[in-house]
Amino acid sequence: MPTPLRVLVADDHPVVRAGLIALLGTLEGIEVVGEAGDGDAAVREAMLSRPDAVILDLRMPVLDGVGAARRITADLPGTAVLVLTMFDDDQSVTAAIRN
């Protein structure tokens, strides 16, 4: 049996975060290893759980998703980051892609 993809979910909306975790829990080959409600907590949790991938909300308190993505990819270069957002402003999306 292949090793599951270890995923961290970070979103400041508890219902969204719980929904993503529930959805991922139904998928074979994915293990949710942590969750966070703000960008700073996401970075801390990533350092502890060392996930293969992080699903990260772009707009979060304390540290936004761009800053969190920058820190996570700098400290854990093998970790993929998938950014989610409901916002469509080019500046935020472009910054997320760069990081």
N, C-alpha and C. Protein backbone atom coordinates (compact mmCIF):
# COMPACT_ATOMS: atom_id res chain seq x y z
N MET A 1 0.84 -1.17 0.00
CA MET A 1 0.00 0.00 0.00
C MET A 1 0.89 1.24 0.00
N PRO A 2 0.64 2.21 -0.90
CA PRO A 2 1.47 3.41 -0.97
C PRO A 2 1.30 4.28 0.27
N THR A 3 2.32 5.05 0.55
CA THR A 3 2.28 5.99 1.66
C THR A 3 1.26 7.09 1.36
N PRO A 4 0.39 7.44 2.32
CA PRO A 4 -0.60 8.47 2.06
C PRO A 4 0.04 9.86 1.92
N LEU A 5 -0.61 10.72 1.17
CA LEU A 5 -0.23 12.12 1.05
C LEU A 5 -0.64 12.81 2.34
N ARG A 6 0.33 13.38 3.03
CA ARG A 6 0.10 14.04 4.32
C ARG A 6 -0.23 15.51 4.07
N VAL A 7 -1.42 15.95 4.54
CA VAL A 7 -1.93 17.28 4.22
C VAL A 7 -2.24 18.08 5.48
N LEU A 8 -1.89 19.36 5.45
CA LEU A 8 -2.24 20.33 6.48
C LEU A 8 -3.29 21.27 5.87
N VAL A 9 -4.36 21.56 6.61
CA VAL A 9 -5.42 22.45 6.14
C VAL A 9 -5.41 23.71 7.00
N ALA A 10 -5.30 24.88 6.34
CA ALA A 10 -5.27 26.15 7.06
C ALA A 10 -6.30 27.11 6.47
N ASP A 11 -7.29 27.46 7.28
CA ASP A 11 -8.33 28.41 6.88
C ASP A 11 -8.88 29.03 8.15
N ASP A 12 -9.13 30.33 8.11
CA ASP A 12 -9.61 31.01 9.32
C ASP A 12 -11.10 30.81 9.57
N HIS A 13 -11.82 30.25 8.64
CA HIS A 13 -13.25 29.98 8.82
C HIS A 13 -13.40 28.53 9.29
N PRO A 14 -13.81 28.31 10.54
CA PRO A 14 -13.89 26.95 11.08
C PRO A 14 -14.77 26.01 10.26
N VAL A 15 -15.87 26.50 9.71
CA VAL A 15 -16.77 25.63 8.94
C VAL A 15 -16.10 25.20 7.63
N VAL A 16 -15.42 26.12 6.98
CA VAL A 16 -14.70 25.78 5.74
C VAL A 16 -13.60 24.78 6.04
N ARG A 17 -12.84 25.06 7.09
CA ARG A 17 -11.74 24.17 7.47
C ARG A 17 -12.27 22.77 7.79
N ALA A 18 -13.34 22.70 8.58
CA ALA A 18 -13.92 21.39 8.93
C ALA A 18 -14.45 20.68 7.68
N GLY A 19 -15.05 21.43 6.77
CA GLY A 19 -15.55 20.82 5.54
C GLY A 19 -14.44 20.25 4.68
N LEU A 20 -13.34 20.99 4.55
CA LEU A 20 -12.19 20.49 3.78
C LEU A 20 -11.61 19.24 4.42
N ILE A 21 -11.50 19.26 5.74
CA ILE A 21 -10.96 18.10 6.45
C ILE A 21 -11.88 16.89 6.27
N ALA A 22 -13.19 17.12 6.36
CA ALA A 22 -14.14 16.03 6.17
C ALA A 22 -14.06 15.47 4.75
N LEU A 23 -13.98 16.35 3.77
CA LEU A 23 -13.88 15.91 2.38
C LEU A 23 -12.60 15.12 2.15
N LEU A 24 -11.49 15.65 2.63
CA LEU A 24 -10.22 14.94 2.45
C LEU A 24 -10.23 13.59 3.15
N GLY A 25 -10.95 13.51 4.27
CA GLY A 25 -11.04 12.25 5.01
C GLY A 25 -11.75 11.15 4.25
N THR A 26 -12.50 11.52 3.22
CA THR A 26 -13.20 10.50 2.42
C THR A 26 -12.34 9.98 1.28
N LEU A 27 -11.20 10.60 1.05
CA LEU A 27 -10.36 10.24 -0.09
C LEU A 27 -9.26 9.26 0.32
N GLU A 28 -9.19 8.16 -0.39
CA GLU A 28 -8.15 7.18 -0.12
C GLU A 28 -6.79 7.76 -0.50
N GLY A 29 -5.82 7.51 0.33
CA GLY A 29 -4.46 7.95 0.03
C GLY A 29 -4.14 9.34 0.54
N ILE A 30 -5.05 9.95 1.32
CA ILE A 30 -4.79 11.27 1.90
C ILE A 30 -4.98 11.19 3.41
N GLU A 31 -4.03 11.73 4.14
CA GLU A 31 -4.09 11.77 5.59
C GLU A 31 -3.96 13.23 6.03
N VAL A 32 -4.95 13.76 6.71
CA VAL A 32 -4.87 15.12 7.25
C VAL A 32 -4.06 15.04 8.53
N VAL A 33 -2.92 15.75 8.54
CA VAL A 33 -2.01 15.67 9.68
C VAL A 33 -2.06 16.89 10.58
N GLY A 34 -2.84 17.90 10.18
CA GLY A 34 -2.95 19.08 11.02
C GLY A 34 -3.89 20.10 10.43
N GLU A 35 -4.22 21.08 11.27
CA GLU A 35 -5.07 22.17 10.83
C GLU A 35 -4.67 23.44 11.57
N ALA A 36 -5.03 24.58 10.97
CA ALA A 36 -4.68 25.87 11.58
C ALA A 36 -5.72 26.90 11.17
N GLY A 37 -5.92 27.90 12.05
CA GLY A 37 -6.91 28.93 11.80
C GLY A 37 -6.34 30.28 11.43
N ASP A 38 -5.01 30.39 11.39
CA ASP A 38 -4.38 31.62 10.91
C ASP A 38 -3.02 31.27 10.30
N GLY A 39 -2.43 32.23 9.60
CA GLY A 39 -1.20 31.95 8.88
C GLY A 39 -0.02 31.60 9.77
N ASP A 40 0.10 32.28 10.90
CA ASP A 40 1.20 31.98 11.82
C ASP A 40 1.06 30.57 12.39
N ALA A 41 -0.16 30.21 12.75
CA ALA A 41 -0.41 28.84 13.25
C ALA A 41 -0.13 27.82 12.15
N ALA A 42 -0.43 28.16 10.90
CA ALA A 42 -0.17 27.25 9.79
C ALA A 42 1.33 26.98 9.66
N VAL A 43 2.13 28.02 9.79
CA VAL A 43 3.59 27.85 9.71
C VAL A 43 4.07 26.96 10.85
N ARG A 44 3.62 27.25 12.07
CA ARG A 44 4.02 26.44 13.23
C ARG A 44 3.61 24.98 13.05
N GLU A 45 2.37 24.76 12.61
CA GLU A 45 1.88 23.39 12.43
C GLU A 45 2.64 22.67 11.32
N ALA A 46 2.99 23.40 10.27
CA ALA A 46 3.76 22.79 9.17
C ALA A 46 5.13 22.35 9.67
N MET A 47 5.77 23.15 10.52
CA MET A 47 7.08 22.78 11.05
C MET A 47 6.98 21.54 11.94
N LEU A 48 5.86 21.41 12.65
CA LEU A 48 5.68 20.24 13.52
C LEU A 48 5.30 18.98 12.75
N SER A 49 4.33 19.12 11.83
CA SER A 49 3.79 17.93 11.16
C SER A 49 4.51 17.57 9.87
N ARG A 50 5.26 18.52 9.30
CA ARG A 50 6.03 18.30 8.08
C ARG A 50 5.18 17.63 6.98
N PRO A 51 4.10 18.31 6.56
CA PRO A 51 3.19 17.71 5.57
C PRO A 51 3.81 17.67 4.18
N ASP A 52 3.23 16.84 3.33
CA ASP A 52 3.62 16.82 1.92
C ASP A 52 3.00 18.00 1.18
N ALA A 53 1.81 18.42 1.66
CA ALA A 53 1.09 19.51 1.02
C ALA A 53 0.32 20.31 2.06
N VAL A 54 0.15 21.60 1.78
CA VAL A 54 -0.63 22.49 2.63
C VAL A 54 -1.73 23.11 1.77
N ILE A 55 -2.97 23.01 2.24
CA ILE A 55 -4.07 23.74 1.62
C ILE A 55 -4.26 24.99 2.46
N LEU A 56 -4.06 26.15 1.84
CA LEU A 56 -3.88 27.39 2.58
C LEU A 56 -4.82 28.47 2.05
N ASP A 57 -5.61 29.05 2.95
CA ASP A 57 -6.46 30.18 2.59
C ASP A 57 -5.56 31.39 2.35
N LEU A 58 -5.88 32.18 1.35
CA LEU A 58 -5.06 33.35 1.02
C LEU A 58 -5.21 34.46 2.04
N ARG A 59 -6.42 34.69 2.52
CA ARG A 59 -6.68 35.79 3.47
C ARG A 59 -6.97 35.20 4.84
N MET A 60 -5.99 35.36 5.75
CA MET A 60 -6.14 34.88 7.12
C MET A 60 -5.56 35.92 8.07
N PRO A 61 -6.00 35.91 9.32
CA PRO A 61 -5.45 36.84 10.30
C PRO A 61 -4.03 36.45 10.74
N VAL A 62 -3.40 37.35 11.45
CA VAL A 62 -2.06 37.22 12.02
C VAL A 62 -1.00 37.23 10.93
N LEU A 63 -1.04 36.30 10.02
CA LEU A 63 -0.13 36.23 8.88
C LEU A 63 -0.96 35.75 7.69
N ASP A 64 -0.96 36.51 6.61
CA ASP A 64 -1.79 36.11 5.46
C ASP A 64 -1.21 34.88 4.76
N GLY A 65 -1.98 34.35 3.83
CA GLY A 65 -1.57 33.14 3.14
C GLY A 65 -0.29 33.30 2.33
N VAL A 66 -0.08 34.49 1.76
CA VAL A 66 1.15 34.73 1.00
C VAL A 66 2.36 34.64 1.91
N GLY A 67 2.29 35.30 3.06
CA GLY A 67 3.40 35.23 4.01
C GLY A 67 3.61 33.83 4.55
N ALA A 68 2.52 33.14 4.84
CA ALA A 68 2.63 31.76 5.33
C ALA A 68 3.24 30.86 4.27
N ALA A 69 2.79 31.00 3.02
CA ALA A 69 3.35 30.19 1.93
C ALA A 69 4.84 30.45 1.77
N ARG A 70 5.22 31.71 1.85
CA ARG A 70 6.64 32.08 1.72
C ARG A 70 7.47 31.39 2.80
N ARG A 71 7.01 31.44 4.04
CA ARG A 71 7.76 30.84 5.15
C ARG A 71 7.77 29.31 5.05
N ILE A 72 6.63 28.72 4.70
CA ILE A 72 6.56 27.26 4.62
C ILE A 72 7.46 26.73 3.51
N THR A 73 7.40 27.33 2.33
CA THR A 73 8.22 26.83 1.22
C THR A 73 9.71 27.11 1.44
N ALA A 74 10.03 28.16 2.19
CA ALA A 74 11.44 28.44 2.49
C ALA A 74 11.99 27.40 3.47
N ASP A 75 11.20 27.06 4.48
CA ASP A 75 11.66 26.13 5.51
C ASP A 75 11.46 24.67 5.15
N LEU A 76 10.46 24.40 4.30
CA LEU A 76 10.14 23.03 3.88
C LEU A 76 10.02 23.00 2.36
N PRO A 77 11.13 23.10 1.64
CA PRO A 77 11.07 23.23 0.18
C PRO A 77 10.40 22.06 -0.54
N GLY A 78 10.28 20.93 0.09
CA GLY A 78 9.61 19.79 -0.55
C GLY A 78 8.11 19.78 -0.34
N THR A 79 7.59 20.76 0.38
CA THR A 79 6.16 20.82 0.67
C THR A 79 5.44 21.64 -0.38
N ALA A 80 4.40 21.06 -0.98
CA ALA A 80 3.59 21.77 -1.96
C ALA A 80 2.56 22.62 -1.23
N VAL A 81 2.24 23.78 -1.81
CA VAL A 81 1.23 24.67 -1.23
C VAL A 81 0.15 24.93 -2.26
N LEU A 82 -1.09 24.64 -1.88
CA LEU A 82 -2.25 24.93 -2.71
C LEU A 82 -3.00 26.06 -2.02
N VAL A 83 -3.15 27.19 -2.71
CA VAL A 83 -3.79 28.36 -2.13
C VAL A 83 -5.24 28.43 -2.58
N LEU A 84 -6.13 28.64 -1.61
CA LEU A 84 -7.55 28.82 -1.89
C LEU A 84 -7.92 30.27 -1.60
N THR A 85 -8.80 30.83 -2.42
CA THR A 85 -9.30 32.17 -2.14
C THR A 85 -10.63 32.40 -2.84
N MET A 86 -11.43 33.25 -2.23
CA MET A 86 -12.67 33.68 -2.86
C MET A 86 -12.45 35.03 -3.53
N PHE A 87 -11.30 35.64 -3.32
CA PHE A 87 -11.00 36.95 -3.87
C PHE A 87 -10.39 36.81 -5.25
N ASP A 88 -10.65 37.77 -6.11
CA ASP A 88 -10.14 37.68 -7.48
C ASP A 88 -9.25 38.85 -7.86
N ASP A 89 -8.71 39.55 -6.85
CA ASP A 89 -7.83 40.66 -7.21
C ASP A 89 -6.49 40.12 -7.68
N ASP A 90 -5.99 40.68 -8.76
CA ASP A 90 -4.78 40.19 -9.40
C ASP A 90 -3.55 40.26 -8.50
N GLN A 91 -3.44 41.29 -7.68
CA GLN A 91 -2.26 41.47 -6.85
C GLN A 91 -2.10 40.31 -5.85
N SER A 92 -3.17 39.94 -5.17
CA SER A 92 -3.09 38.84 -4.20
C SER A 92 -2.80 37.50 -4.88
N VAL A 93 -3.47 37.25 -5.97
CA VAL A 93 -3.28 35.99 -6.68
C VAL A 93 -1.85 35.90 -7.23
N THR A 94 -1.36 36.99 -7.81
CA THR A 94 0.00 37.01 -8.36
C THR A 94 1.03 36.80 -7.26
N ALA A 95 0.85 37.43 -6.11
CA ALA A 95 1.77 37.25 -4.98
C ALA A 95 1.76 35.81 -4.51
N ALA A 96 0.60 35.19 -4.46
CA ALA A 96 0.51 33.79 -4.03
C ALA A 96 1.23 32.87 -5.00
N ILE A 97 1.07 33.12 -6.29
CA ILE A 97 1.73 32.30 -7.30
C ILE A 97 3.25 32.42 -7.19
N ARG A 98 3.73 33.64 -6.99
CA ARG A 98 5.18 33.86 -6.86
C ARG A 98 5.77 33.10 -5.69
N ASN A 99 4.99 32.95 -4.63
CA ASN A 99 5.51 32.31 -3.42
C ASN A 99 5.20 30.84 -3.40
